[in-house]
């Protein structure tokens, strides 16, 4: 069983590690790992390798890092590898039809949602933002459409009331590895049922940008709380504020918050109602948002009690 693995970020690692373990104890062979090219990152803009490349290097696996899979030369390399299956987990590059048709069995994708809900780039954050009670992973036979292929199986989990993007990311990554392990035998011997997706139920998870994480206090506190949770640990929910004696505005990041009650202050949305060790209470159009962990530029995130010792936000307007 010759497998080509394609993945890039941390989310890919549990699946890759499970395949490596299988590689060591069975007739399964990972013939190559495809991951995105090294790219500049951080303040120093030094070249950074992907998490998948680091794990693959440590395991002594062949690594390929093409800029695109549309290149005839890259496709020739893939053909020469003779894969029975290509396993794709958050790779970040599109697979053209020539690549989809190349393996003997299939190109199989591990996707972090219950397809057809949340096709696309950011299913984890979008599920939290939408207030979904459940999500999961889907093992899909890839097609040319974006996450439109038929499903081998799906596995669910509950989204907890305190779930963050980071915690759900980890839980789904681990569930994805287990689900793929469960699905592989049936895919290999041809007994796995294949279920077409219901197109009428499809919705899309657009890519997240930093601007998406800006808090608008003209939205209700419940929605803002979901934003704070969804965007932790990236890009982190944020707003701006200005001291009365300052010439320039500052960015305030909010790492942890909760919605509270209908709100009775009558103050304009964005007004800091109170600031204490229990949290920074901010008026919204519907209820109050209580910020419990905050961060100023150039500083580390702080609990509300420590933040209030260093900065007084009482009465200020956040926007």
C-alpha atoms as a PDB file:
ATOM      1  CA  UNK A   1       0.000   0.000   0.000  1.00  0.00           C
ATOM      2  CA  UNK A   2       1.920   3.028  -1.311  1.00  0.00           C
ATOM      3  CA  UNK A   3       0.708   6.315   0.171  1.00  0.00           C
ATOM      4  CA  UNK A   4       1.611   9.890  -0.702  1.00  0.00           C
ATOM      5  CA  UNK A   5       0.733  12.237   2.167  1.00  0.00           C
ATOM      6  CA  UNK A   6      -0.018  15.923   1.514  1.00  0.00           C
ATOM      7  CA  UNK A   7      -0.385  18.353   4.415  1.00  0.00           C
ATOM      8  CA  UNK A   8       1.140  21.474   5.929  1.00  0.00           C
ATOM      9  CA  UNK A   9      -0.019  22.809   9.357  1.00  0.00           C
ATOM     10  CA  UNK A  10      -0.334  21.345  12.844  1.00  0.00           C
ATOM     11  CA  UNK A  11      -3.797  20.017  12.029  1.00  0.00           C
ATOM     12  CA  UNK A  12      -2.178  17.510   9.634  1.00  0.00           C
ATOM     13  CA  UNK A  13       0.140  16.002  12.227  1.00  0.00           C
ATOM     14  CA  UNK A  14      -2.049  13.414  14.014  1.00  0.00           C
ATOM     15  CA  UNK A  15      -2.954  11.827  10.668  1.00  0.00           C
ATOM     16  CA  UNK A  16       0.660  11.857   9.466  1.00  0.00           C
ATOM     17  CA  UNK A  17       1.895  10.406  12.754  1.00  0.00           C
ATOM     18  CA  UNK A  18      -0.707   7.633  12.638  1.00  0.00           C
ATOM     19  CA  UNK A  19       0.365   6.770   9.085  1.00  0.00           C
ATOM     20  CA  UNK A  20       4.017   6.754  10.143  1.00  0.00           C
ATOM     21  CA  UNK A  21       3.150   4.331  12.955  1.00  0.00           C
ATOM     22  CA  UNK A  22       1.303   2.152  10.446  1.00  0.00           C
ATOM     23  CA  UNK A  23       4.257   2.481   8.072  1.00  0.00           C
ATOM     24  CA  UNK A  24       6.491   0.929  10.739  1.00  0.00           C
ATOM     25  CA  UNK A  25       4.323  -2.085  11.514  1.00  0.00           C
ATOM     26  CA  UNK A  26       2.550  -3.118   8.302  1.00  0.00           C
ATOM     27  CA  UNK A  27       2.836  -3.264   4.547  1.00  0.00           C
ATOM     28  CA  UNK A  28       1.768   0.388   4.265  1.00  0.00           C
ATOM     29  CA  UNK A  29       4.541   2.608   2.895  1.00  0.00           C
ATOM     30  CA  UNK A  30       4.643   6.397   2.866  1.00  0.00           C
ATOM     31  CA  UNK A  31       6.541   6.945  -0.376  1.00  0.00           C
ATOM     32  CA  UNK A  32       6.618  10.761  -0.099  1.00  0.00           C
ATOM     33  CA  UNK A  33       5.290  13.697   1.892  1.00  0.00           C
ATOM     34  CA  UNK A  34       4.174  16.797   0.020  1.00  0.00           C
ATOM     35  CA  UNK A  35       4.033  20.047   1.990  1.00  0.00           C
ATOM     36  CA  UNK A  36       4.081  23.733   1.123  1.00  0.00           C
ATOM     37  CA  UNK A  37       7.421  25.454   0.472  1.00  0.00           C
ATOM     38  CA  UNK A  38       9.395  27.070   3.282  1.00  0.00           C
ATOM     39  CA  UNK A  39       8.312  30.693   3.626  1.00  0.00           C
ATOM     40  CA  UNK A  40       9.442  33.798   5.571  1.00  0.00           C
ATOM     41  CA  UNK A  41       7.706  34.164   8.932  1.00  0.00           C
ATOM     42  CA  UNK A  42       7.924  36.237  12.104  1.00  0.00           C
ATOM     43  CA  UNK A  43       9.484  39.633  12.648  1.00  0.00           C
ATOM     44  CA  UNK A  44      12.842  38.521  11.305  1.00  0.00           C
ATOM     45  CA  UNK A  45      11.210  37.075   8.160  1.00  0.00           C
ATOM     46  CA  UNK A  46      13.373  33.996   8.390  1.00  0.00           C
ATOM     47  CA  UNK A  47      12.450  30.960   6.353  1.00  0.00           C
ATOM     48  CA  UNK A  48      10.108  28.742   8.337  1.00  0.00           C
ATOM     49  CA  UNK A  49       9.417  25.073   7.661  1.00  0.00           C
ATOM     50  CA  UNK A  50       5.954  23.620   8.027  1.00  0.00           C
ATOM     51  CA  UNK A  51       5.068  21.379  10.992  1.00  0.00           C
ATOM     52  CA  UNK A  52       4.549  18.524   8.542  1.00  0.00           C
ATOM     53  CA  UNK A  53       8.043  18.956   7.088  1.00  0.00           C
ATOM     54  CA  UNK A  54       9.590  18.810  10.568  1.00  0.00           C
ATOM     55  CA  UNK A  55       7.824  15.546  11.425  1.00  0.00           C
ATOM     56  CA  UNK A  56       8.534  14.013   8.007  1.00  0.00           C
ATOM     57  CA  UNK A  57      12.212  14.955   8.243  1.00  0.00           C
ATOM     58  CA  UNK A  58      12.509  13.367  11.689  1.00  0.00           C
ATOM     59  CA  UNK A  59      10.922  10.197  10.299  1.00  0.00           C
ATOM     60  CA  UNK A  60      13.353  10.082   7.373  1.00  0.00           C
ATOM     61  CA  UNK A  61      10.629  10.411   4.744  1.00  0.00           C
ATOM     62  CA  UNK A  62      11.046  11.797   1.242  1.00  0.00           C
ATOM     63  CA  UNK A  63       9.807  15.414   1.125  1.00  0.00           C
ATOM     64  CA  UNK A  64       8.514  17.359  -1.876  1.00  0.00           C
ATOM     65  CA  UNK A  65       7.636  21.064  -1.704  1.00  0.00           C
ATOM     66  CA  UNK A  66       6.281  22.235  -5.063  1.00  0.00           C
ATOM     67  CA  UNK A  67       4.724  25.670  -5.493  1.00  0.00           C
ATOM     68  CA  UNK A  68       1.892  24.071  -7.475  1.00  0.00           C
ATOM     69  CA  UNK A  69       0.623  20.641  -8.488  1.00  0.00           C
ATOM     70  CA  UNK A  70      -0.343  21.908 -11.943  1.00  0.00           C
ATOM     71  CA  UNK A  71       3.228  21.564 -13.210  1.00  0.00           C
ATOM     72  CA  UNK A  72       3.767  18.643 -15.622  1.00  0.00           C
ATOM     73  CA  UNK A  73       7.129  18.002 -13.976  1.00  0.00           C
ATOM     74  CA  UNK A  74       5.524  17.678 -10.531  1.00  0.00           C
ATOM     75  CA  UNK A  75       2.828  15.408 -11.924  1.00  0.00           C
ATOM     76  CA  UNK A  76       5.521  13.259 -13.519  1.00  0.00           C
ATOM     77  CA  UNK A  77       7.217  12.979 -10.111  1.00  0.00           C
ATOM     78  CA  UNK A  78       3.951  11.892  -8.538  1.00  0.00           C
ATOM     79  CA  UNK A  79       3.362   9.332 -11.263  1.00  0.00           C
ATOM     80  CA  UNK A  80       6.837   7.936 -10.692  1.00  0.00           C
ATOM     81  CA  UNK A  81       6.012   7.405  -7.017  1.00  0.00           C
ATOM     82  CA  UNK A  82       3.282   4.959  -8.040  1.00  0.00           C
ATOM     83  CA  UNK A  83       0.854   5.823  -5.211  1.00  0.00           C
ATOM     84  CA  UNK A  84      -2.120   3.630  -4.447  1.00  0.00           C
ATOM     85  CA  UNK A  85      -3.599   6.508  -2.450  1.00  0.00           C
ATOM     86  CA  UNK A  86      -2.969  10.195  -1.816  1.00  0.00           C
ATOM     87  CA  UNK A  87      -4.036  11.302   1.670  1.00  0.00           C
ATOM     88  CA  UNK A  88      -4.646  15.058   1.958  1.00  0.00           C
ATOM     89  CA  UNK A  89      -5.031  16.949   5.250  1.00  0.00           C
ATOM     90  CA  UNK A  90      -5.041  20.768   5.157  1.00  0.00           C
ATOM     91  CA  UNK A  91      -2.428  20.828   2.410  1.00  0.00           C
ATOM     92  CA  UNK A  92      -3.292  24.285   1.106  1.00  0.00           C
ATOM     93  CA  UNK A  93      -2.829  23.590  -2.614  1.00  0.00           C
ATOM     94  CA  UNK A  94      -5.513  22.558  -5.086  1.00  0.00           C
ATOM     95  CA  UNK A  95      -5.260  19.110  -6.654  1.00  0.00           C
ATOM     96  CA  UNK A  96      -5.942  19.317 -10.410  1.00  0.00           C
ATOM     97  CA  UNK A  97      -7.818  16.546 -12.188  1.00  0.00           C
ATOM     98  CA  UNK A  98      -4.586  14.995 -13.461  1.00  0.00           C
ATOM     99  CA  UNK A  99      -3.490  14.455  -9.849  1.00  0.00           C
ATOM    100  CA  UNK A 100      -6.920  13.344  -8.640  1.00  0.00           C
ATOM    101  CA  UNK A 101      -6.919  10.633 -11.315  1.00  0.00           C
ATOM    102  CA  UNK A 102      -3.375   9.487 -10.600  1.00  0.00           C
ATOM    103  CA  UNK A 103      -3.567   7.091  -7.594  1.00  0.00           C
ATOM    104  CA  UNK A 104      -4.829   3.550  -8.090  1.00  0.00           C
ATOM    105  CA  UNK A 105      -7.504   3.867  -5.388  1.00  0.00           C
ATOM    106  CA  UNK A 106      -8.336   7.495  -4.589  1.00  0.00           C
ATOM    107  CA  UNK A 107      -7.286  10.862  -3.278  1.00  0.00           C
ATOM    108  CA  UNK A 108      -8.703  10.907   0.258  1.00  0.00           C
ATOM    109  CA  UNK A 109      -9.241  14.093   2.244  1.00  0.00           C
ATOM    110  CA  UNK A 110      -9.645  14.518   6.010  1.00  0.00           C
ATOM    111  CA  UNK A 111     -11.850  17.610   6.471  1.00  0.00           C
ATOM    112  CA  UNK A 112     -12.667  19.330   9.778  1.00  0.00           C
ATOM    113  CA  UNK A 113     -16.457  19.536   9.493  1.00  0.00           C
ATOM    114  CA  UNK A 114     -19.544  17.436   8.956  1.00  0.00           C
ATOM    115  CA  UNK A 115     -19.767  17.880   5.212  1.00  0.00           C
ATOM    116  CA  UNK A 116     -21.574  19.346   3.372  1.00  0.00           C
ATOM    117  CA  UNK A 117     -21.655  21.909   6.201  1.00  0.00           C
ATOM    118  CA  UNK A 118     -18.648  24.207   6.232  1.00  0.00           C
ATOM    119  CA  UNK A 119     -16.814  23.404   3.049  1.00  0.00           C
ATOM    120  CA  UNK A 120     -13.719  25.506   2.568  1.00  0.00           C
ATOM    121  CA  UNK A 121     -10.807  27.016   4.421  1.00  0.00           C
ATOM    122  CA  UNK A 122     -11.985  27.796   7.972  1.00  0.00           C
ATOM    123  CA  UNK A 123     -14.576  25.221   9.092  1.00  0.00           C
ATOM    124  CA  UNK A 124     -13.458  25.185  12.740  1.00  0.00           C
ATOM    125  CA  UNK A 125     -13.842  28.913  13.371  1.00  0.00           C
ATOM    126  CA  UNK A 126     -17.044  29.166  11.325  1.00  0.00           C
ATOM    127  CA  UNK A 127     -18.721  26.386  13.300  1.00  0.00           C
ATOM    128  CA  UNK A 128     -18.062  28.216  16.585  1.00  0.00           C
ATOM    129  CA  UNK A 129     -19.113  31.586  15.148  1.00  0.00           C
ATOM    130  CA  UNK A 130     -22.398  30.124  13.929  1.00  0.00           C
ATOM    131  CA  UNK A 131     -23.178  28.686  17.350  1.00  0.00           C
ATOM    132  CA  UNK A 132     -23.228  25.107  16.054  1.00  0.00           C
ATOM    133  CA  UNK A 133     -23.759  22.564  18.813  1.00  0.00           C
ATOM    134  CA  UNK A 134     -21.946  19.761  16.987  1.00  0.00           C
ATOM    135  CA  UNK A 135     -19.207  19.385  14.408  1.00  0.00           C
ATOM    136  CA  UNK A 136     -16.829  16.613  13.406  1.00  0.00           C
ATOM    137  CA  UNK A 137     -14.596  15.273  10.662  1.00  0.00           C
ATOM    138  CA  UNK A 138     -15.389  13.874   7.249  1.00  0.00           C
ATOM    139  CA  UNK A 139     -13.341  11.356   5.280  1.00  0.00           C
ATOM    140  CA  UNK A 140     -14.000  12.247   1.659  1.00  0.00           C
ATOM    141  CA  UNK A 141     -13.077  10.941  -1.776  1.00  0.00           C
ATOM    142  CA  UNK A 142     -11.764  14.074  -3.444  1.00  0.00           C
ATOM    143  CA  UNK A 143     -13.270  15.559  -6.590  1.00  0.00           C
ATOM    144  CA  UNK A 144     -12.596  18.710  -8.612  1.00  0.00           C
ATOM    145  CA  UNK A 145     -15.143  20.779  -6.650  1.00  0.00           C
ATOM    146  CA  UNK A 146     -14.227  22.392  -3.326  1.00  0.00           C
ATOM    147  CA  UNK A 147     -14.897  19.730  -0.678  1.00  0.00           C
ATOM    148  CA  UNK A 148     -17.718  18.349  -2.843  1.00  0.00           C
ATOM    149  CA  UNK A 149     -16.634  14.710  -3.133  1.00  0.00           C
ATOM    150  CA  UNK A 150     -18.598  11.730  -1.798  1.00  0.00           C
ATOM    151  CA  UNK A 151     -18.107  10.690   1.824  1.00  0.00           C
ATOM    152  CA  UNK A 152     -16.651   7.459   3.170  1.00  0.00           C
ATOM    153  CA  UNK A 153     -17.580   8.295   6.767  1.00  0.00           C
ATOM    154  CA  UNK A 154     -18.124  11.135   9.240  1.00  0.00           C
ATOM    155  CA  UNK A 155     -17.526  11.226  12.970  1.00  0.00           C
ATOM    156  CA  UNK A 156     -19.138  13.793  15.296  1.00  0.00           C
ATOM    157  CA  UNK A 157     -18.252  15.574  18.506  1.00  0.00           C
ATOM    158  CA  UNK A 158     -19.983  18.170  20.659  1.00  0.00           C
ATOM    159  CA  UNK A 159     -18.838  21.784  20.635  1.00  0.00           C
ATOM    160  CA  UNK A 160     -18.463  22.703  24.297  1.00  0.00           C
ATOM    161  CA  UNK A 161     -19.811  25.982  25.676  1.00  0.00           C
ATOM    162  CA  UNK A 162     -16.252  27.166  26.430  1.00  0.00           C
ATOM    163  CA  UNK A 163     -14.749  25.810  23.198  1.00  0.00           C
ATOM    164  CA  UNK A 164     -12.069  27.926  21.527  1.00  0.00           C
ATOM    165  CA  UNK A 165     -10.731  27.658  18.016  1.00  0.00           C
ATOM    166  CA  UNK A 166      -7.513  26.227  19.461  1.00  0.00           C
ATOM    167  CA  UNK A 167      -9.162  23.557  21.605  1.00  0.00           C
ATOM    168  CA  UNK A 168     -11.561  22.451  18.863  1.00  0.00           C
ATOM    169  CA  UNK A 169      -8.685  22.377  16.365  1.00  0.00           C
ATOM    170  CA  UNK A 170      -6.811  19.870  18.530  1.00  0.00           C
ATOM    171  CA  UNK A 171      -9.832  17.686  19.229  1.00  0.00           C
ATOM    172  CA  UNK A 172     -10.776  17.510  15.545  1.00  0.00           C
ATOM    173  CA  UNK A 173      -7.184  16.791  14.468  1.00  0.00           C
ATOM    174  CA  UNK A 174      -7.096  13.777  16.778  1.00  0.00           C
ATOM    175  CA  UNK A 175     -10.569  12.652  15.696  1.00  0.00           C
ATOM    176  CA  UNK A 176      -9.487  12.926  12.063  1.00  0.00           C
ATOM    177  CA  UNK A 177      -6.620  10.499  12.616  1.00  0.00           C
ATOM    178  CA  UNK A 178      -8.941   7.980  14.265  1.00  0.00           C
ATOM    179  CA  UNK A 179     -11.569   8.351  11.545  1.00  0.00           C
ATOM    180  CA  UNK A 180      -9.059   7.806   8.750  1.00  0.00           C
ATOM    181  CA  UNK A 181      -7.677   4.714  10.478  1.00  0.00           C
ATOM    182  CA  UNK A 182     -11.243   3.410  10.688  1.00  0.00           C
ATOM    183  CA  UNK A 183     -12.002   4.165   7.036  1.00  0.00           C
ATOM    184  CA  UNK A 184      -8.801   2.933   5.377  1.00  0.00           C
ATOM    185  CA  UNK A 185      -9.427  -0.844   5.362  1.00  0.00           C
ATOM    186  CA  UNK A 186     -12.757  -0.440   3.559  1.00  0.00           C
ATOM    187  CA  UNK A 187     -11.280   2.038   1.073  1.00  0.00           C
ATOM    188  CA  UNK A 188      -8.445  -0.356   0.304  1.00  0.00           C
ATOM    189  CA  UNK A 189     -10.593  -3.457  -0.215  1.00  0.00           C
ATOM    190  CA  UNK A 190     -13.427  -1.573  -1.926  1.00  0.00           C
ATOM    191  CA  UNK A 191     -16.094  -2.307   0.703  1.00  0.00           C
ATOM    192  CA  UNK A 192     -16.350   1.239   2.106  1.00  0.00           C
ATOM    193  CA  UNK A 193     -19.761   2.768   1.328  1.00  0.00           C
ATOM    194  CA  UNK A 194     -19.574   6.051  -0.569  1.00  0.00           C
ATOM    195  CA  UNK A 195     -22.329   8.583   0.157  1.00  0.00           C
ATOM    196  CA  UNK A 196     -22.886  11.617  -2.122  1.00  0.00           C
ATOM    197  CA  UNK A 197     -23.194  14.936  -0.328  1.00  0.00           C
ATOM    198  CA  UNK A 198     -26.541  16.718  -0.121  1.00  0.00           C
ATOM    199  CA  UNK A 199     -25.911  19.878  -2.138  1.00  0.00           C
ATOM    200  CA  UNK A 200     -28.965  21.611  -0.653  1.00  0.00           C
ATOM    201  CA  UNK A 201     -27.287  21.500   2.778  1.00  0.00           C
ATOM    202  CA  UNK A 202     -23.942  22.889   1.626  1.00  0.00           C
ATOM    203  CA  UNK A 203     -22.479  26.046   3.174  1.00  0.00           C
ATOM    204  CA  UNK A 204     -19.023  27.555   2.959  1.00  0.00           C
ATOM    205  CA  UNK A 205     -16.380  28.516   5.494  1.00  0.00           C
ATOM    206  CA  UNK A 206     -14.560  31.491   4.020  1.00  0.00           C
ATOM    207  CA  UNK A 207     -10.918  32.063   4.899  1.00  0.00           C
ATOM    208  CA  UNK A 208     -10.362  34.070   8.091  1.00  0.00           C
ATOM    209  CA  UNK A 209      -8.509  37.396   8.036  1.00  0.00           C
ATOM    210  CA  UNK A 210      -7.413  39.665  10.877  1.00  0.00           C
ATOM    211  CA  UNK A 211     -10.135  42.143   9.951  1.00  0.00           C
ATOM    212  CA  UNK A 212     -12.778  39.450  10.589  1.00  0.00           C
ATOM    213  CA  UNK A 213     -11.727  39.411  14.248  1.00  0.00           C
ATOM    214  CA  UNK A 214     -12.529  43.068  14.934  1.00  0.00           C
ATOM    215  CA  UNK A 215     -15.274  43.305  17.565  1.00  0.00           C
ATOM    216  CA  UNK A 216     -18.306  45.410  16.652  1.00  0.00           C
ATOM    217  CA  UNK A 217     -20.176  46.236  19.847  1.00  0.00           C
ATOM    218  CA  UNK A 218     -23.302  46.958  17.823  1.00  0.00           C
ATOM    219  CA  UNK A 219     -23.600  43.173  17.738  1.00  0.00           C
ATOM    220  CA  UNK A 220     -24.985  41.223  20.672  1.00  0.00           C
ATOM    221  CA  UNK A 221     -22.812  39.968  23.512  1.00  0.00           C
ATOM    222  CA  UNK A 222     -23.516  36.323  22.641  1.00  0.00           C
ATOM    223  CA  UNK A 223     -22.151  36.738  19.134  1.00  0.00           C
ATOM    224  CA  UNK A 224     -19.119  38.661  20.391  1.00  0.00           C
ATOM    225  CA  UNK A 225     -18.345  35.918  22.907  1.00  0.00           C
ATOM    226  CA  UNK A 226     -18.367  33.371  20.057  1.00  0.00           C
ATOM    227  CA  UNK A 227     -15.992  35.621  18.113  1.00  0.00           C
ATOM    228  CA  UNK A 228     -13.568  35.735  21.036  1.00  0.00           C
ATOM    229  CA  UNK A 229     -13.646  31.945  21.350  1.00  0.00           C
ATOM    230  CA  UNK A 230     -13.474  31.238  17.608  1.00  0.00           C
ATOM    231  CA  UNK A 231     -10.474  33.511  17.007  1.00  0.00           C
ATOM    232  CA  UNK A 232      -8.414  32.151  19.905  1.00  0.00           C
ATOM    233  CA  UNK A 233      -5.586  31.332  19.144  1.00  0.00           C
ATOM    234  CA  UNK A 234      -5.592  33.180  15.778  1.00  0.00           C
ATOM    235  CA  UNK A 235      -6.036  35.956  14.821  1.00  0.00           C
ATOM    236  CA  UNK A 236      -7.384  36.955  18.310  1.00  0.00           C
ATOM    237  CA  UNK A 237     -10.456  39.165  18.676  1.00  0.00           C
ATOM    238  CA  UNK A 238      -9.604  42.851  18.920  1.00  0.00           C
ATOM    239  CA  UNK A 239     -10.948  46.381  19.115  1.00  0.00           C
ATOM    240  CA  UNK A 240      -9.514  49.891  19.433  1.00  0.00           C
ATOM    241  CA  UNK A 241      -9.595  52.533  22.144  1.00  0.00           C
ATOM    242  CA  UNK A 242      -8.110  55.937  22.881  1.00  0.00           C
ATOM    243  CA  UNK A 243      -7.132  57.547  26.196  1.00  0.00           C
ATOM    244  CA  UNK A 244      -8.532  61.022  26.756  1.00  0.00           C
ATOM    245  CA  UNK A 245      -4.990  62.395  26.941  1.00  0.00           C
ATOM    246  CA  UNK A 246      -3.599  60.379  24.009  1.00  0.00           C
ATOM    247  CA  UNK A 247      -3.130  61.480  20.412  1.00  0.00           C
ATOM    248  CA  UNK A 248      -3.319  58.015  18.894  1.00  0.00           C
ATOM    249  CA  UNK A 249      -5.558  55.002  19.282  1.00  0.00           C
ATOM    250  CA  UNK A 250      -4.421  51.628  20.571  1.00  0.00           C
ATOM    251  CA  UNK A 251      -5.384  48.065  19.790  1.00  0.00           C
ATOM    252  CA  UNK A 252      -6.828  45.938  22.568  1.00  0.00           C
ATOM    253  CA  UNK A 253      -6.857  42.174  22.107  1.00  0.00           C
ATOM    254  CA  UNK A 254      -9.391  40.074  23.982  1.00  0.00           C
ATOM    255  CA  UNK A 255      -8.394  36.443  24.515  1.00  0.00           C
ATOM    256  CA  UNK A 256     -11.209  35.333  26.800  1.00  0.00           C
ATOM    257  CA  UNK A 257     -14.681  36.745  27.446  1.00  0.00           C
ATOM    258  CA  UNK A 258     -18.234  35.784  28.328  1.00  0.00           C
ATOM    259  CA  UNK A 259     -21.654  37.214  27.578  1.00  0.00           C
ATOM    260  CA  UNK A 260     -23.731  38.333  30.543  1.00  0.00           C
ATOM    261  CA  UNK A 261     -27.403  39.167  30.870  1.00  0.00           C
ATOM    262  CA  UNK A 262     -29.559  41.577  28.911  1.00  0.00           C
ATOM    263  CA  UNK A 263     -27.478  44.577  29.990  1.00  0.00           C
ATOM    264  CA  UNK A 264     -29.086  47.379  31.971  1.00  0.00           C
ATOM    265  CA  UNK A 265     -26.577  50.223  31.861  1.00  0.00           C
ATOM    266  CA  UNK A 266     -28.255  52.092  29.000  1.00  0.00           C
ATOM    267  CA  UNK A 267     -24.800  53.187  27.818  1.00  0.00           C
ATOM    268  CA  UNK A 268     -23.816  53.288  24.143  1.00  0.00           C
ATOM    269  CA  UNK A 269     -22.389  50.021  22.726  1.00  0.00           C
ATOM    270  CA  UNK A 270     -18.641  49.785  23.345  1.00  0.00           C
ATOM    271  CA  UNK A 271     -18.696  51.751  26.600  1.00  0.00           C
ATOM    272  CA  UNK A 272     -16.704  50.206  29.458  1.00  0.00           C
ATOM    273  CA  UNK A 273     -19.359  49.931  32.178  1.00  0.00           C
ATOM    274  CA  UNK A 274     -16.948  48.774  34.877  1.00  0.00           C
ATOM    275  CA  UNK A 275     -13.424  47.393  35.213  1.00  0.00           C
ATOM    276  CA  UNK A 276     -12.479  45.154  38.117  1.00  0.00           C
ATOM    277  CA  UNK A 277     -10.644  41.961  38.967  1.00  0.00           C
ATOM    278  CA  UNK A 278     -13.737  40.042  37.840  1.00  0.00           C
ATOM    279  CA  UNK A 279     -13.526  41.410  34.297  1.00  0.00           C
ATOM    280  CA  UNK A 280     -13.937  44.404  32.020  1.00  0.00           C
ATOM    281  CA  UNK A 281     -17.690  44.835  31.473  1.00  0.00           C
ATOM    282  CA  UNK A 282     -18.454  46.306  28.038  1.00  0.00           C
ATOM    283  CA  UNK A 283     -21.895  47.397  26.891  1.00  0.00           C
ATOM    284  CA  UNK A 284     -23.175  45.936  23.607  1.00  0.00           C
ATOM    285  CA  UNK A 285     -26.398  46.392  21.710  1.00  0.00           C
ATOM    286  CA  UNK A 286     -27.764  43.292  23.502  1.00  0.00           C
ATOM    287  CA  UNK A 287     -26.211  42.349  26.839  1.00  0.00           C
ATOM    288  CA  UNK A 288     -22.742  42.989  28.244  1.00  0.00           C
ATOM    289  CA  UNK A 289     -19.492  41.355  27.216  1.00  0.00           C
ATOM    290  CA  UNK A 290     -17.164  40.651  30.139  1.00  0.00           C
ATOM    291  CA  UNK A 291     -13.543  40.528  28.987  1.00  0.00           C
ATOM    292  CA  UNK A 292     -11.559  38.226  31.285  1.00  0.00           C
ATOM    293  CA  UNK A 293      -8.174  38.074  29.565  1.00  0.00           C
ATOM    294  CA  UNK A 294      -6.754  41.006  27.593  1.00  0.00           C
ATOM    295  CA  UNK A 295      -3.582  42.168  25.878  1.00  0.00           C
ATOM    296  CA  UNK A 296      -2.091  45.550  25.020  1.00  0.00           C
ATOM    297  CA  UNK A 297       0.447  45.989  22.193  1.00  0.00           C
ATOM    298  CA  UNK A 298       3.919  44.798  23.123  1.00  0.00           C
ATOM    299  CA  UNK A 299       2.712  43.063  26.282  1.00  0.00           C
ATOM    300  CA  UNK A 300       1.688  39.547  27.204  1.00  0.00           C
ATOM    301  CA  UNK A 301      -1.974  38.571  27.698  1.00  0.00           C
ATOM    302  CA  UNK A 302      -3.154  39.331  31.230  1.00  0.00           C
ATOM    303  CA  UNK A 303      -6.051  38.306  33.446  1.00  0.00           C
ATOM    304  CA  UNK A 304      -8.505  41.145  34.071  1.00  0.00           C
ATOM    305  CA  UNK A 305      -7.250  41.639  37.648  1.00  0.00           C
ATOM    306  CA  UNK A 306      -3.665  42.235  36.512  1.00  0.00           C
ATOM    307  CA  UNK A 307      -4.779  44.280  33.516  1.00  0.00           C
ATOM    308  CA  UNK A 308      -6.783  46.670  35.707  1.00  0.00           C
ATOM    309  CA  UNK A 309      -3.714  47.303  37.888  1.00  0.00           C
ATOM    310  CA  UNK A 310      -1.831  48.560  34.844  1.00  0.00           C
ATOM    311  CA  UNK A 311      -4.564  50.232  32.829  1.00  0.00           C
ATOM    312  CA  UNK A 312      -7.856  51.902  33.788  1.00  0.00           C
ATOM    313  CA  UNK A 313     -10.518  51.540  31.092  1.00  0.00           C
ATOM    314  CA  UNK A 314     -13.493  52.716  33.187  1.00  0.00           C
ATOM    315  CA  UNK A 315     -15.839  54.874  31.118  1.00  0.00           C
ATOM    316  CA  UNK A 316     -13.774  54.646  27.957  1.00  0.00           C
ATOM    317  CA  UNK A 317     -15.292  53.868  24.572  1.00  0.00           C
ATOM    318  CA  UNK A 318     -14.101  50.767  22.708  1.00  0.00           C
ATOM    319  CA  UNK A 319     -14.669  50.542  18.979  1.00  0.00           C
END
